[in-house]
Amino acid sequence: MKHDLPLPLDKKLNVLFRVEPGCLGPDGPEHIEAFCQYAEKSVENLDADFVHWEIVPRFDKNLPEMEYKVNTRRLNHDQAERYLQVFKKELDEFEAHLNDKLGELIEAYLER
């Protein structure tokens, strides 16, 4: 299957990543909003042809850390996996890469 890249926004995989304030240390709640803006800007070009990123604080632990949608349709893990396979990506590797990148961004943010 051939895809013209970049995809229009309504066809992209929207990845919502919720970041725990505690990952920024004891003062995390004071910095989490600014960090999320910093992190989102830092990853916006990552797989940007078919992914749209949203990085937000995770104040409600009942909400999942990661959530996937295409347009307004929420995707479960298997559906997100199939979506990414079209672009020769594995969901577990995709998530691991994002987690590694966020770890680097946290370190860089805290060193500022």
Protein backbone atom coordinates (compact mmCIF):
# COMPACT_ATOMS: atom_id res chain seq x y z
CA MET A 1 0.00 0.00 0.00
CA LYS A 2 1.41 3.37 -1.04
CA HIS A 3 0.96 6.50 1.04
CA ASP A 4 1.70 10.05 0.04
CA LEU A 5 3.68 11.53 2.89
CA PRO A 6 3.27 13.63 4.85
CA LEU A 7 -0.25 12.56 5.66
CA PRO A 8 -2.89 15.18 6.34
CA LEU A 9 -3.45 15.81 10.06
CA ASP A 10 -6.76 13.92 10.12
CA LYS A 11 -5.00 10.75 8.88
CA LYS A 12 -1.99 10.92 11.19
CA LEU A 13 -1.63 8.85 14.32
CA ASN A 14 -2.21 11.24 17.21
CA VAL A 15 -0.04 10.13 20.11
CA LEU A 16 -1.06 11.58 23.45
CA PHE A 17 1.67 11.04 26.04
CA ARG A 18 0.95 11.95 29.63
CA VAL A 19 4.00 12.81 31.74
CA GLU A 20 4.01 12.36 35.52
CA PRO A 21 5.04 15.56 37.34
CA GLY A 22 7.17 13.47 39.72
CA CYS A 23 9.59 12.59 36.91
CA LEU A 24 10.90 16.16 37.26
CA GLY A 25 11.73 15.70 40.93
CA PRO A 26 10.08 17.10 44.04
CA ASP A 27 9.34 20.42 42.32
CA GLY A 28 7.88 18.65 39.31
CA PRO A 29 4.35 19.97 39.67
CA GLU A 30 5.73 23.51 39.35
CA HIS A 31 7.58 22.69 36.13
CA ILE A 32 5.45 20.07 34.40
CA GLU A 33 3.45 22.42 32.14
CA ALA A 34 6.59 24.14 30.83
CA PHE A 35 8.35 20.80 30.42
CA CYS A 36 5.48 19.36 28.38
CA GLN A 37 5.61 22.35 26.01
CA TYR A 38 9.41 21.94 25.73
CA ALA A 39 9.14 18.19 25.13
CA GLU A 40 6.34 18.47 22.56
CA LYS A 41 8.33 21.02 20.57
CA SER A 42 11.40 18.76 20.79
CA VAL A 43 9.62 15.69 19.36
CA GLU A 44 7.34 17.38 16.84
CA ASN A 45 9.55 16.29 13.92
CA LEU A 46 9.85 12.68 15.11
CA ASP A 47 7.99 10.56 12.52
CA ALA A 48 6.13 13.78 11.64
CA ASP A 49 5.05 12.45 8.24
CA PHE A 50 2.50 10.18 9.91
CA VAL A 51 2.46 11.08 13.64
CA HIS A 52 1.15 14.11 15.54
CA TRP A 53 2.43 14.42 19.11
CA GLU A 54 0.70 15.78 22.19
CA ILE A 55 2.64 15.77 25.45
CA VAL A 56 0.62 16.78 28.48
CA PRO A 57 0.88 16.48 32.27
CA ARG A 58 -0.57 13.35 33.85
CA PHE A 59 -2.45 14.68 36.85
CA ASP A 60 -5.03 11.86 36.82
CA LYS A 61 -3.40 8.47 37.38
CA ASN A 62 -6.58 6.79 36.13
CA LEU A 63 -5.77 7.98 32.61
CA PRO A 64 -3.38 5.88 30.54
CA GLU A 65 0.16 7.11 30.01
CA MET A 66 -0.21 6.78 26.23
CA GLU A 67 -3.28 7.12 24.08
CA TYR A 68 -3.62 6.74 20.32
CA LYS A 69 -6.18 8.24 17.96
CA VAL A 70 -6.68 8.79 14.27
CA ASN A 71 -8.83 11.85 13.78
CA THR A 72 -11.30 11.44 16.68
CA ARG A 73 -11.28 7.65 16.75
CA ARG A 74 -9.44 6.13 19.72
CA LEU A 75 -7.25 3.15 18.85
CA ASN A 76 -6.47 0.27 21.16
CA HIS A 77 -2.96 -1.21 21.33
CA ASP A 78 -3.56 -3.70 18.51
CA GLN A 79 -5.05 -1.08 16.21
CA ALA A 80 -2.14 1.30 16.85
CA GLU A 81 0.26 -1.58 16.15
CA ARG A 82 -1.42 -2.26 12.78
CA TYR A 83 -1.38 1.44 11.91
CA LEU A 84 2.37 1.67 12.55
CA GLN A 85 3.10 -1.55 10.66
CA VAL A 86 1.96 0.21 7.48
CA PHE A 87 5.01 2.47 8.00
CA LYS A 88 7.29 -0.45 8.93
CA LYS A 89 7.31 0.47 12.63
CA GLU A 90 6.73 -1.75 15.65
CA LEU A 91 4.64 -0.26 18.44
CA ASP A 92 6.83 -1.58 21.26
CA GLU A 93 9.97 -0.12 19.67
CA PHE A 94 8.09 3.09 18.90
CA GLU A 95 7.05 3.45 22.56
CA ALA A 96 10.52 2.53 23.83
CA HIS A 97 12.11 5.12 21.57
CA LEU A 98 9.70 7.78 22.84
CA ASN A 99 10.40 6.84 26.46
CA ASP A 100 14.16 7.05 25.83
CA LYS A 101 13.75 10.42 24.12
CA LEU A 102 11.65 11.76 27.00
CA GLY A 103 14.30 10.58 29.47
CA GLU A 104 16.91 12.57 27.53
CA LEU A 105 14.61 15.60 27.43
CA ILE A 106 14.00 15.43 31.18
CA GLU A 107 17.76 15.41 31.80
CA ALA A 108 18.30 18.31 29.39
CA TYR A 109 15.40 20.28 30.89
CA LEU A 110 16.65 19.82 34.46
CA GLU A 111 20.17 20.93 33.45
CA ARG A 112 18.91 24.25 32.08
